[in-house]
Amino acid sequence: MVIFQLVGVAVEFGTAQLVHSELGFAGLVLLTLALVGIRTGNPRLAGWAAFLFLLLTLQLQN
């Protein structure tokens, strides 16, 4: 149980660092909102944050 939590925290930290370095502060905020929405069981918050995160990602690729 503790090992899974440690692995989860490490993956979240690595993902956050990667997002912050590639997408900046806005990407980090949207990723955080999506994760909070998923953890709290709020599908509207998670859906909108994931949608905006996707749009930000697509905008930076062009």
C-alpha atoms as a PDB file:
ATOM      1  CA  MET A   1       0.000   0.000   0.000  1.00  0.00           C
ATOM      2  CA  VAL A   2       2.712   2.465   0.955  1.00  0.00           C
ATOM      3  CA  ILE A   3       4.791   1.478  -2.076  1.00  0.00           C
ATOM      4  CA  PHE A   4       1.867   2.246  -4.416  1.00  0.00           C
ATOM      5  CA  GLN A   5       1.404   5.652  -2.796  1.00  0.00           C
ATOM      6  CA  LEU A   6       5.109   6.439  -3.135  1.00  0.00           C
ATOM      7  CA  VAL A   7       5.096   5.404  -6.778  1.00  0.00           C
ATOM      8  CA  GLY A   8       1.980   7.501  -7.365  1.00  0.00           C
ATOM      9  CA  VAL A   9       3.563  10.557  -5.772  1.00  0.00           C
ATOM     10  CA  ALA A  10       6.732  10.075  -7.814  1.00  0.00           C
ATOM     11  CA  VAL A  11       4.746   9.801 -11.055  1.00  0.00           C
ATOM     12  CA  GLU A  12       2.697  12.897 -10.211  1.00  0.00           C
ATOM     13  CA  PHE A  13       5.837  14.857  -9.350  1.00  0.00           C
ATOM     14  CA  GLY A  14       7.589  13.808 -12.558  1.00  0.00           C
ATOM     15  CA  THR A  15       4.545  14.643 -14.637  1.00  0.00           C
ATOM     16  CA  ALA A  16       4.170  18.023 -12.949  1.00  0.00           C
ATOM     17  CA  GLN A  17       7.826  18.886 -13.596  1.00  0.00           C
ATOM     18  CA  LEU A  18       7.543  17.883 -17.245  1.00  0.00           C
ATOM     19  CA  VAL A  19       4.319  19.826 -17.738  1.00  0.00           C
ATOM     20  CA  HIS A  20       5.744  22.881 -15.996  1.00  0.00           C
ATOM     21  CA  SER A  21       8.874  22.844 -18.138  1.00  0.00           C
ATOM     22  CA  GLU A  22       6.941  22.375 -21.418  1.00  0.00           C
ATOM     23  CA  LEU A  23       3.627  24.166 -20.871  1.00  0.00           C
ATOM     24  CA  GLY A  24       4.470  26.636 -18.133  1.00  0.00           C
ATOM     25  CA  PHE A  25       2.385  27.699 -15.191  1.00  0.00           C
ATOM     26  CA  ALA A  26      -0.956  27.525 -17.040  1.00  0.00           C
ATOM     27  CA  GLY A  27      -0.375  23.879 -17.943  1.00  0.00           C
ATOM     28  CA  LEU A  28       0.558  23.071 -14.363  1.00  0.00           C
ATOM     29  CA  VAL A  29      -2.604  24.729 -13.042  1.00  0.00           C
ATOM     30  CA  LEU A  30      -4.809  22.869 -15.541  1.00  0.00           C
ATOM     31  CA  LEU A  31      -3.148  19.557 -14.718  1.00  0.00           C
ATOM     32  CA  THR A  32      -3.665  20.196 -11.001  1.00  0.00           C
ATOM     33  CA  LEU A  33      -7.334  21.072 -11.549  1.00  0.00           C
ATOM     34  CA  ALA A  34      -7.859  17.892 -13.561  1.00  0.00           C
ATOM     35  CA  LEU A  35      -6.259  15.773 -10.834  1.00  0.00           C
ATOM     36  CA  VAL A  36      -8.283  17.481  -8.096  1.00  0.00           C
ATOM     37  CA  GLY A  37     -11.472  16.950 -10.092  1.00  0.00           C
ATOM     38  CA  ILE A  38     -10.695  13.265 -10.506  1.00  0.00           C
ATOM     39  CA  ARG A  39      -9.816  12.749  -6.847  1.00  0.00           C
ATOM     40  CA  THR A  40     -12.892  14.564  -5.550  1.00  0.00           C
ATOM     41  CA  GLY A  41     -15.201  12.851  -8.006  1.00  0.00           C
ATOM     42  CA  ASN A  42     -16.195  16.078  -9.760  1.00  0.00           C
ATOM     43  CA  PRO A  43     -16.503  15.122 -13.434  1.00  0.00           C
ATOM     44  CA  ARG A  44     -17.339  18.646 -14.614  1.00  0.00           C
ATOM     45  CA  LEU A  45     -14.146  20.124 -13.144  1.00  0.00           C
ATOM     46  CA  ALA A  46     -12.018  17.238 -14.380  1.00  0.00           C
ATOM     47  CA  GLY A  47     -13.556  17.338 -17.851  1.00  0.00           C
ATOM     48  CA  TRP A  48     -13.155  21.074 -18.385  1.00  0.00           C
ATOM     49  CA  ALA A  49      -9.611  21.087 -17.008  1.00  0.00           C
ATOM     50  CA  ALA A  50      -8.631  18.142 -19.230  1.00  0.00           C
ATOM     51  CA  PHE A  51     -10.237  19.825 -22.260  1.00  0.00           C
ATOM     52  CA  LEU A  52      -8.418  23.115 -21.646  1.00  0.00           C
ATOM     53  CA  PHE A  53      -5.176  21.233 -21.005  1.00  0.00           C
ATOM     54  CA  LEU A  54      -5.589  19.487 -24.365  1.00  0.00           C
ATOM     55  CA  LEU A  55      -6.251  22.808 -26.117  1.00  0.00           C
ATOM     56  CA  LEU A  56      -3.156  24.341 -24.514  1.00  0.00           C
ATOM     57  CA  THR A  57      -1.077  21.378 -25.617  1.00  0.00           C
ATOM     58  CA  LEU A  58      -2.370  21.584 -29.195  1.00  0.00           C
ATOM     59  CA  GLN A  59      -1.795  25.339 -29.315  1.00  0.00           C
ATOM     60  CA  LEU A  60       1.838  24.980 -28.298  1.00  0.00           C
ATOM     61  CA  GLN A  61       2.480  22.314 -30.928  1.00  0.00           C
ATOM     62  CA  ASN A  62       1.622  24.719 -33.776  1.00  0.00           C
END
